[in-house]
PDB file of N, CA and C in Angstrom:
ATOM      1  N   MET A   1       1.130  11.317  -5.434  1.00  0.00           N
ATOM      2  CA  MET A   1       1.787  10.716  -4.304  1.00  0.00           C
ATOM      3  C   MET A   1       1.843  11.716  -3.145  1.00  0.00           C
ATOM      4  N   SER A   2       2.111  12.957  -3.459  1.00  0.00           N
ATOM      5  CA  SER A   2       2.193  13.945  -2.379  1.00  0.00           C
ATOM      6  C   SER A   2       0.855  14.098  -1.666  1.00  0.00           C
ATOM      7  N   ARG A   3      -0.251  13.889  -2.381  1.00  0.00           N
ATOM      8  CA  ARG A   3      -1.572  13.970  -1.744  1.00  0.00           C
ATOM      9  C   ARG A   3      -1.736  12.863  -0.711  1.00  0.00           C
ATOM     10  N   TYR A   4      -1.120  11.696  -0.975  1.00  0.00           N
ATOM     11  CA  TYR A   4      -1.147  10.598  -0.007  1.00  0.00           C
ATOM     12  C   TYR A   4      -0.257  10.937   1.185  1.00  0.00           C
ATOM     13  N   GLU A   5       0.923  11.471   0.882  1.00  0.00           N
ATOM     14  CA  GLU A   5       1.890  11.778   1.934  1.00  0.00           C
ATOM     15  C   GLU A   5       1.379  12.858   2.893  1.00  0.00           C
ATOM     16  N   THR A   6       0.638  13.813   2.345  1.00  0.00           N
ATOM     17  CA  THR A   6       0.134  14.911   3.173  1.00  0.00           C
ATOM     18  C   THR A   6      -1.210  14.607   3.816  1.00  0.00           C
ATOM     19  N   GLY A   7      -1.808  13.469   3.453  1.00  0.00           N
ATOM     20  CA  GLY A   7      -3.073  13.092   4.058  1.00  0.00           C
ATOM     21  C   GLY A   7      -4.287  13.739   3.423  1.00  0.00           C
ATOM     22  N   VAL A   8      -4.106  14.396   2.273  1.00  0.00           N
ATOM     23  CA  VAL A   8      -5.233  15.021   1.583  1.00  0.00           C
ATOM     24  C   VAL A   8      -6.214  13.950   1.123  1.00  0.00           C
ATOM     25  N   THR A   9      -5.695  12.828   0.681  1.00  0.00           N
ATOM     26  CA  THR A   9      -6.518  11.713   0.235  1.00  0.00           C
ATOM     27  C   THR A   9      -5.802  10.413   0.591  1.00  0.00           C
ATOM     28  N   LEU A  10      -6.541   9.330   0.555  1.00  0.00           N
ATOM     29  CA  LEU A  10      -5.959   8.022   0.841  1.00  0.00           C
ATOM     30  C   LEU A  10      -5.975   7.180  -0.427  1.00  0.00           C
ATOM     31  N   PRO A  11      -4.918   6.409  -0.674  1.00  0.00           N
ATOM     32  CA  PRO A  11      -4.901   5.562  -1.868  1.00  0.00           C
ATOM     33  C   PRO A  11      -5.852   4.383  -1.715  1.00  0.00           C
ATOM     34  N   SER A  12      -6.367   3.933  -2.834  1.00  0.00           N
ATOM     35  CA  SER A  12      -7.218   2.743  -2.816  1.00  0.00           C
ATOM     36  C   SER A  12      -6.340   1.509  -2.613  1.00  0.00           C
ATOM     37  N   LEU A  13      -6.967   0.401  -2.295  1.00  0.00           N
ATOM     38  CA  LEU A  13      -6.235  -0.853  -2.137  1.00  0.00           C
ATOM     39  C   LEU A  13      -5.547  -1.241  -3.447  1.00  0.00           C
ATOM     40  N   VAL A  14      -6.210  -0.999  -4.564  1.00  0.00           N
ATOM     41  CA  VAL A  14      -5.631  -1.308  -5.872  1.00  0.00           C
ATOM     42  C   VAL A  14      -4.363  -0.482  -6.090  1.00  0.00           C
ATOM     43  N   THR A  15      -4.410   0.797  -5.740  1.00  0.00           N
ATOM     44  CA  THR A  15      -3.240   1.655  -5.888  1.00  0.00           C
ATOM     45  C   THR A  15      -2.124   1.214  -4.953  1.00  0.00           C
ATOM     46  N   LEU A  16      -2.466   0.860  -3.716  1.00  0.00           N
ATOM     47  CA  LEU A  16      -1.446   0.368  -2.779  1.00  0.00           C
ATOM     48  C   LEU A  16      -0.783  -0.903  -3.312  1.00  0.00           C
ATOM     49  N   GLU A  17      -1.584  -1.802  -3.877  1.00  0.00           N
ATOM     50  CA  GLU A  17      -1.032  -3.032  -4.458  1.00  0.00           C
ATOM     51  C   GLU A  17      -0.077  -2.720  -5.603  1.00  0.00           C
ATOM     52  N   ALA A  18      -0.459  -1.771  -6.446  1.00  0.00           N
ATOM     53  CA  ALA A  18       0.381  -1.414  -7.593  1.00  0.00           C
ATOM     54  C   ALA A  18       1.697  -0.787  -7.138  1.00  0.00           C
ATOM     55  N   ILE A  19       1.621   0.114  -6.181  1.00  0.00           N
ATOM     56  CA  ILE A  19       2.833   0.758  -5.667  1.00  0.00           C
ATOM     57  C   ILE A  19       3.731  -0.273  -5.003  1.00  0.00           C
ATOM     58  N   ALA A  20       3.139  -1.144  -4.208  1.00  0.00           N
ATOM     59  CA  ALA A  20       3.926  -2.182  -3.526  1.00  0.00           C
ATOM     60  C   ALA A  20       4.604  -3.099  -4.540  1.00  0.00           C
ATOM     61  N   ALA A  21       3.898  -3.455  -5.603  1.00  0.00           N
ATOM     62  CA  ALA A  21       4.479  -4.331  -6.624  1.00  0.00           C
ATOM     63  C   ALA A  21       5.670  -3.677  -7.302  1.00  0.00           C
ATOM     64  N   VAL A  22       5.536  -2.406  -7.633  1.00  0.00           N
ATOM     65  CA  VAL A  22       6.628  -1.695  -8.299  1.00  0.00           C
ATOM     66  C   VAL A  22       7.850  -1.575  -7.386  1.00  0.00           C
ATOM     67  N   LEU A  23       7.604  -1.369  -6.114  1.00  0.00           N
ATOM     68  CA  LEU A  23       8.706  -1.188  -5.160  1.00  0.00           C
ATOM     69  C   LEU A  23       9.220  -2.505  -4.571  1.00  0.00           C
ATOM     70  N   HIS A  24       8.569  -3.602  -4.928  1.00  0.00           N
ATOM     71  CA  HIS A  24       8.943  -4.927  -4.402  1.00  0.00           C
ATOM     72  C   HIS A  24       8.879  -4.961  -2.878  1.00  0.00           C
ATOM     73  N   VAL A  25       7.786  -4.422  -2.351  1.00  0.00           N
ATOM     74  CA  VAL A  25       7.535  -4.455  -0.906  1.00  0.00           C
ATOM     75  C   VAL A  25       6.097  -4.911  -0.692  1.00  0.00           C
ATOM     76  N   THR A  26       5.746  -5.152   0.540  1.00  0.00           N
ATOM     77  CA  THR A  26       4.366  -5.517   0.852  1.00  0.00           C
ATOM     78  C   THR A  26       3.554  -4.256   1.140  1.00  0.00           C
ATOM     79  N   ILE A  27       2.237  -4.412   1.129  1.00  0.00           N
ATOM     80  CA  ILE A  27       1.385  -3.285   1.503  1.00  0.00           C
ATOM     81  C   ILE A  27       1.668  -2.897   2.955  1.00  0.00           C
ATOM     82  N   ALA A  28       1.939  -3.889   3.803  1.00  0.00           N
ATOM     83  CA  ALA A  28       2.271  -3.604   5.205  1.00  0.00           C
ATOM     84  C   ALA A  28       3.511  -2.724   5.291  1.00  0.00           C
ATOM     85  N   ASP A  29       4.501  -2.984   4.421  1.00  0.00           N
ATOM     86  CA  ASP A  29       5.695  -2.138   4.409  1.00  0.00           C
ATOM     87  C   ASP A  29       5.333  -0.695   4.059  1.00  0.00           C
ATOM     88  N   LEU A  30       4.414  -0.529   3.123  1.00  0.00           N
ATOM     89  CA  LEU A  30       4.001   0.821   2.741  1.00  0.00           C
ATOM     90  C   LEU A  30       3.303   1.550   3.882  1.00  0.00           C
ATOM     91  N   LEU A  31       2.566   0.794   4.691  1.00  0.00           N
ATOM     92  CA  LEU A  31       1.796   1.410   5.762  1.00  0.00           C
ATOM     93  C   LEU A  31       2.579   1.547   7.059  1.00  0.00           C
ATOM     94  N   ASP A  32       3.794   1.016   7.085  1.00  0.00           N
ATOM     95  CA  ASP A  32       4.651   1.109   8.256  1.00  0.00           C
ATOM     96  C   ASP A  32       5.059   2.569   8.481  1.00  0.00           C
ATOM     97  N   GLU A  33       5.250   2.941   9.714  1.00  0.00           N
ATOM     98  CA  GLU A  33       5.611   4.322  10.051  1.00  0.00           C
ATOM     99  C   GLU A  33       7.002   4.711   9.556  1.00  0.00           C
ATOM    100  N   GLU A  34       7.911   3.744   9.499  1.00  0.00           N
ATOM    101  CA  GLU A  34       9.257   4.043   9.027  1.00  0.00           C
ATOM    102  C   GLU A  34       9.260   4.094   7.508  1.00  0.00           C
ATOM    103  N   ALA A  35      10.094   4.974   6.972  1.00  0.00           N
ATOM    104  CA  ALA A  35      10.188   5.076   5.521  1.00  0.00           C
ATOM    105  C   ALA A  35      10.822   3.811   4.955  1.00  0.00           C
ATOM    106  N   PRO A  36      10.217   3.225   3.916  1.00  0.00           N
ATOM    107  CA  PRO A  36      10.802   2.022   3.321  1.00  0.00           C
ATOM    108  C   PRO A  36      12.129   2.342   2.653  1.00  0.00           C
ATOM    109  N   GLN A  37      13.017   1.380   2.691  1.00  0.00           N
ATOM    110  CA  GLN A  37      14.326   1.545   2.069  1.00  0.00           C
ATOM    111  C   GLN A  37      14.317   0.829   0.729  1.00  0.00           C
ATOM    112  N   GLY A  38      13.744   1.448  -0.270  1.00  0.00           N
ATOM    113  CA  GLY A  38      13.659   0.844  -1.582  1.00  0.00           C
ATOM    114  C   GLY A  38      14.976   0.940  -2.334  1.00  0.00           C
ATOM    115  N   SER A  39      15.076   0.192  -3.402  1.00  0.00           N
ATOM    116  CA  SER A  39      16.265   0.223  -4.244  1.00  0.00           C
ATOM    117  C   SER A  39      16.276   1.513  -5.063  1.00  0.00           C
ATOM    118  N   ALA A  40      17.422   1.808  -5.627  1.00  0.00           N
ATOM    119  CA  ALA A  40      17.532   2.997  -6.483  1.00  0.00           C
ATOM    120  C   ALA A  40      16.594   2.865  -7.682  1.00  0.00           C
ATOM    121  N   ALA A  41      16.508   1.659  -8.241  1.00  0.00           N
ATOM    122  CA  ALA A  41      15.618   1.444  -9.384  1.00  0.00           C
ATOM    123  C   ALA A  41      14.151   1.629  -8.976  1.00  0.00           C
ATOM    124  N   GLY A  42      13.791   1.113  -7.797  1.00  0.00           N
ATOM    125  CA  GLY A  42      12.425   1.275  -7.311  1.00  0.00           C
ATOM    126  C   GLY A  42      12.074   2.736  -7.093  1.00  0.00           C
ATOM    127  N   LYS A  43      13.012   3.483  -6.537  1.00  0.00           N
ATOM    128  CA  LYS A  43      12.781   4.921  -6.317  1.00  0.00           C
ATOM    129  C   LYS A  43      12.624   5.655  -7.649  1.00  0.00           C
ATOM    130  N   ARG A  44      13.415   5.244  -8.641  1.00  0.00           N
ATOM    131  CA  ARG A  44      13.317   5.871  -9.962  1.00  0.00           C
ATOM    132  C   ARG A  44      11.941   5.620 -10.571  1.00  0.00           C
ATOM    133  N   VAL A  45      11.477   4.369 -10.496  1.00  0.00           N
ATOM    134  CA  VAL A  45      10.161   4.025 -11.039  1.00  0.00           C
ATOM    135  C   VAL A  45       9.070   4.801 -10.305  1.00  0.00           C
ATOM    136  N   LEU A  46       9.173   4.885  -8.991  1.00  0.00           N
ATOM    137  CA  LEU A  46       8.171   5.620  -8.218  1.00  0.00           C
ATOM    138  C   LEU A  46       8.132   7.087  -8.630  1.00  0.00           C
ATOM    139  N   THR A  47       9.292   7.686  -8.825  1.00  0.00           N
ATOM    140  CA  THR A  47       9.350   9.079  -9.254  1.00  0.00           C
ATOM    141  C   THR A  47       8.656   9.257 -10.596  1.00  0.00           C
ATOM    142  N   LEU A  48       8.891   8.319 -11.511  1.00  0.00           N
ATOM    143  CA  LEU A  48       8.242   8.386 -12.821  1.00  0.00           C
ATOM    144  C   LEU A  48       6.729   8.219 -12.693  1.00  0.00           C
ATOM    145  N   LEU A  49       6.298   7.300 -11.831  1.00  0.00           N
ATOM    146  CA  LEU A  49       4.866   7.051 -11.656  1.00  0.00           C
ATOM    147  C   LEU A  49       4.134   8.247 -11.065  1.00  0.00           C
ATOM    148  N   GLU A  50       4.804   8.979 -10.216  1.00  0.00           N
ATOM    149  CA  GLU A  50       4.149  10.107  -9.532  1.00  0.00           C
ATOM    150  C   GLU A  50       3.613  11.152 -10.499  1.00  0.00           C
ATOM    151  N   SER A  51       4.181  11.211 -11.708  1.00  0.00           N
ATOM    152  CA  SER A  51       3.733  12.221 -12.665  1.00  0.00           C
ATOM    153  C   SER A  51       2.480  11.796 -13.435  1.00  0.00           C
ATOM    154  N   LEU A  52       2.021  10.567 -13.193  1.00  0.00           N
ATOM    155  CA  LEU A  52       0.864  10.041 -13.919  1.00  0.00           C
ATOM    156  C   LEU A  52      -0.395  10.039 -13.058  1.00  0.00           C
ATOM    157  N   PRO A  53      -1.561  10.101 -13.698  1.00  0.00           N
ATOM    158  CA  PRO A  53      -2.813   9.957 -12.947  1.00  0.00           C
ATOM    159  C   PRO A  53      -2.945   8.515 -12.432  1.00  0.00           C
ATOM    160  N   PRO A  54      -3.757   8.292 -11.390  1.00  0.00           N
ATOM    161  CA  PRO A  54      -3.863   6.960 -10.767  1.00  0.00           C
ATOM    162  C   PRO A  54      -4.141   5.811 -11.732  1.00  0.00           C
ATOM    163  N   ALA A  55      -5.025   5.997 -12.682  1.00  0.00           N
ATOM    164  CA  ALA A  55      -5.343   4.900 -13.612  1.00  0.00           C
ATOM    165  C   ALA A  55      -4.119   4.511 -14.434  1.00  0.00           C
ATOM    166  N   LYS A  56      -3.364   5.493 -14.857  1.00  0.00           N
ATOM    167  CA  LYS A  56      -2.160   5.194 -15.635  1.00  0.00           C
ATOM    168  C   LYS A  56      -1.064   4.637 -14.738  1.00  0.00           C
ATOM    169  N   GLN A  57      -1.023   5.047 -13.475  1.00  0.00           N
ATOM    170  CA  GLN A  57      -0.067   4.463 -12.523  1.00  0.00           C
ATOM    171  C   GLN A  57      -0.322   2.965 -12.389  1.00  0.00           C
ATOM    172  N   ARG A  58      -1.581   2.589 -12.255  1.00  0.00           N
ATOM    173  CA  ARG A  58      -1.932   1.170 -12.134  1.00  0.00           C
ATOM    174  C   ARG A  58      -1.540   0.403 -13.390  1.00  0.00           C
ATOM    175  N   PHE A  59      -1.797   1.005 -14.556  1.00  0.00           N
ATOM    176  CA  PHE A  59      -1.453   0.354 -15.816  1.00  0.00           C
ATOM    177  C   PHE A  59       0.053   0.123 -15.904  1.00  0.00           C
ATOM    178  N   VAL A  60       0.831   1.138 -15.606  1.00  0.00           N
ATOM    179  CA  VAL A  60       2.290   1.010 -15.670  1.00  0.00           C
ATOM    180  C   VAL A  60       2.776  -0.007 -14.641  1.00  0.00           C
ATOM    181  N   ALA A  61       2.226   0.034 -13.443  1.00  0.00           N
ATOM    182  CA  ALA A  61       2.622  -0.919 -12.403  1.00  0.00           C
ATOM    183  C   ALA A  61       2.306  -2.347 -12.840  1.00  0.00           C
ATOM    184  N   ASP A  62       1.156  -2.554 -13.485  1.00  0.00           N
ATOM    185  CA  ASP A  62       0.808  -3.884 -13.990  1.00  0.00           C
ATOM    186  C   ASP A  62       1.784  -4.327 -15.081  1.00  0.00           C
ATOM    187  N   MET A  63       2.172  -3.408 -15.946  1.00  0.00           N
ATOM    188  CA  MET A  63       3.123  -3.742 -17.006  1.00  0.00           C
ATOM    189  C   MET A  63       4.485  -4.102 -16.415  1.00  0.00           C
ATOM    190  N   VAL A  64       4.932  -3.340 -15.424  1.00  0.00           N
ATOM    191  CA  VAL A  64       6.207  -3.636 -14.772  1.00  0.00           C
ATOM    192  C   VAL A  64       6.143  -5.006 -14.107  1.00  0.00           C
ATOM    193  N   ALA A  65       5.046  -5.290 -13.429  1.00  0.00           N
ATOM    194  CA  ALA A  65       4.887  -6.595 -12.774  1.00  0.00           C
ATOM    195  C   ALA A  65       4.929  -7.720 -13.803  1.00  0.00           C
ATOM    196  N   SER A  66       4.292  -7.525 -14.945  1.00  0.00           N
ATOM    197  CA  SER A  66       4.314  -8.541 -16.007  1.00  0.00           C
ATOM    198  C   SER A  66       5.722  -8.761 -16.526  1.00  0.00           C
ATOM    199  N   LEU A  67       6.459  -7.678 -16.722  1.00  0.00           N
ATOM    200  CA  LEU A  67       7.840  -7.800 -17.194  1.00  0.00           C
ATOM    201  C   LEU A  67       8.717  -8.513 -16.170  1.00  0.00           C
ATOM    202  N   VAL A  68       8.552  -8.168 -14.916  1.00  0.00           N
ATOM    203  CA  VAL A  68       9.340  -8.820 -13.860  1.00  0.00           C
ATOM    204  C   VAL A  68       9.028 -10.311 -13.838  1.00  0.00           C
ATOM    205  N   ASN A  69       7.756 -10.672 -13.897  1.00  0.00           N
ATOM    206  CA  ASN A  69       7.375 -12.088 -13.914  1.00  0.00           C
ATOM    207  C   ASN A  69       7.944 -12.801 -15.131  1.00  0.00           C
ATOM    208  N   PHE A  70       7.934 -12.138 -16.278  1.00  0.00           N
ATOM    209  CA  PHE A  70       8.485 -12.727 -17.494  1.00  0.00           C
ATOM    210  C   PHE A  70       9.975 -13.019 -17.319  1.00  0.00           C
ATOM    211  N   PHE A  71      10.721 -12.076 -16.764  1.00  0.00           N
ATOM    212  CA  PHE A  71      12.154 -12.266 -16.621  1.00  0.00           C
ATOM    213  C   PHE A  71      12.521 -13.226 -15.494  1.00  0.00           C
ATOM    214  N   ARG A  72      11.626 -13.435 -14.547  1.00  0.00           N
ATOM    215  CA  ARG A  72      11.874 -14.382 -13.462  1.00  0.00           C
ATOM    216  C   ARG A  72      11.686 -15.824 -13.911  1.00  0.00           C
ATOM    217  N   GLU A  73      10.760 -16.066 -14.842  1.00  0.00           N
ATOM    218  CA  GLU A  73      10.435 -17.428 -15.265  1.00  0.00           C
ATOM    219  C   GLU A  73      11.485 -17.928 -16.262  1.00  0.00           C
ATOM    220  N   PRO A  74      11.749 -19.241 -16.177  1.00  0.00           N
ATOM    221  CA  PRO A  74      12.652 -19.809 -17.185  1.00  0.00           C
ATOM    222  C   PRO A  74      12.037 -19.625 -18.574  1.00  0.00           C
ATOM    223  N   SER A  75      12.862 -19.529 -19.548  1.00  0.00           N
ATOM    224  CA  SER A  75      12.389 -19.306 -20.916  1.00  0.00           C
ATOM    225  C   SER A  75      11.423 -20.399 -21.341  1.00  0.00           C
ATOM    226  N   ALA A  76      10.289 -19.983 -21.862  1.00  0.00           N
ATOM    227  CA  ALA A  76       9.290 -20.928 -22.327  1.00  0.00           C
ATOM    228  C   ALA A  76       9.473 -21.216 -23.817  1.00  0.00           C
ATOM    229  N   ALA A  77      10.467 -20.581 -24.423  1.00  0.00           N
ATOM    230  CA  ALA A  77      10.696 -20.784 -25.842  1.00  0.00           C
ATOM    231  C   ALA A  77      11.182 -22.198 -26.102  1.00  0.00           C
ATOM    232  N   PRO A  78      10.700 -22.812 -27.173  1.00  0.00           N
ATOM    233  CA  PRO A  78      11.149 -24.176 -27.473  1.00  0.00           C
ATOM    234  C   PRO A  78      12.643 -24.194 -27.817  1.00  0.00           C
ATOM    235  N   LYS A  79      13.305 -25.241 -27.364  1.00  0.00           N
ATOM    236  CA  LYS A  79      14.727 -25.382 -27.652  1.00  0.00           C
ATOM    237  C   LYS A  79      14.885 -25.997 -29.029  1.00  0.00           C
ATOM    238  N   THR A  80      15.841 -25.465 -29.738  1.00  0.00           N
ATOM    239  CA  THR A  80      16.096 -25.996 -31.077  1.00  0.00           C
ATOM    240  C   THR A  80      17.363 -26.835 -31.017  1.00  0.00           C
ATOM    241  N   THR A  81      17.399 -27.874 -31.814  1.00  0.00           N
ATOM    242  CA  THR A  81      18.589 -28.716 -31.884  1.00  0.00           C
ATOM    243  C   THR A  81      19.280 -28.466 -33.205  1.00  0.00           C
ATOM    244  N   ARG A  82      20.572 -28.530 -33.168  1.00  0.00           N
ATOM    245  CA  ARG A  82      21.328 -28.286 -34.404  1.00  0.00           C
ATOM    246  C   ARG A  82      22.059 -29.507 -34.805  1.00  0.00           C
TER     247      ARG A  82
END
């Protein structure tokens, strides 16, 4: 992440999408000049992701997105009657 912040390298579109998904912001928000005001949980996840290589960052971001989608959807489990 620091390499992106310092301009040493630029993130790919896939990486930008993954970071935006984890932080619950748009790619436009990431590219805005003002620092995004993410949640404490989003900042925690970003800090954890920074220690991983890009491929693993994408994998973790995809897993987080899947979990968020799972918890957002109504339960698909069949209802049982007693």
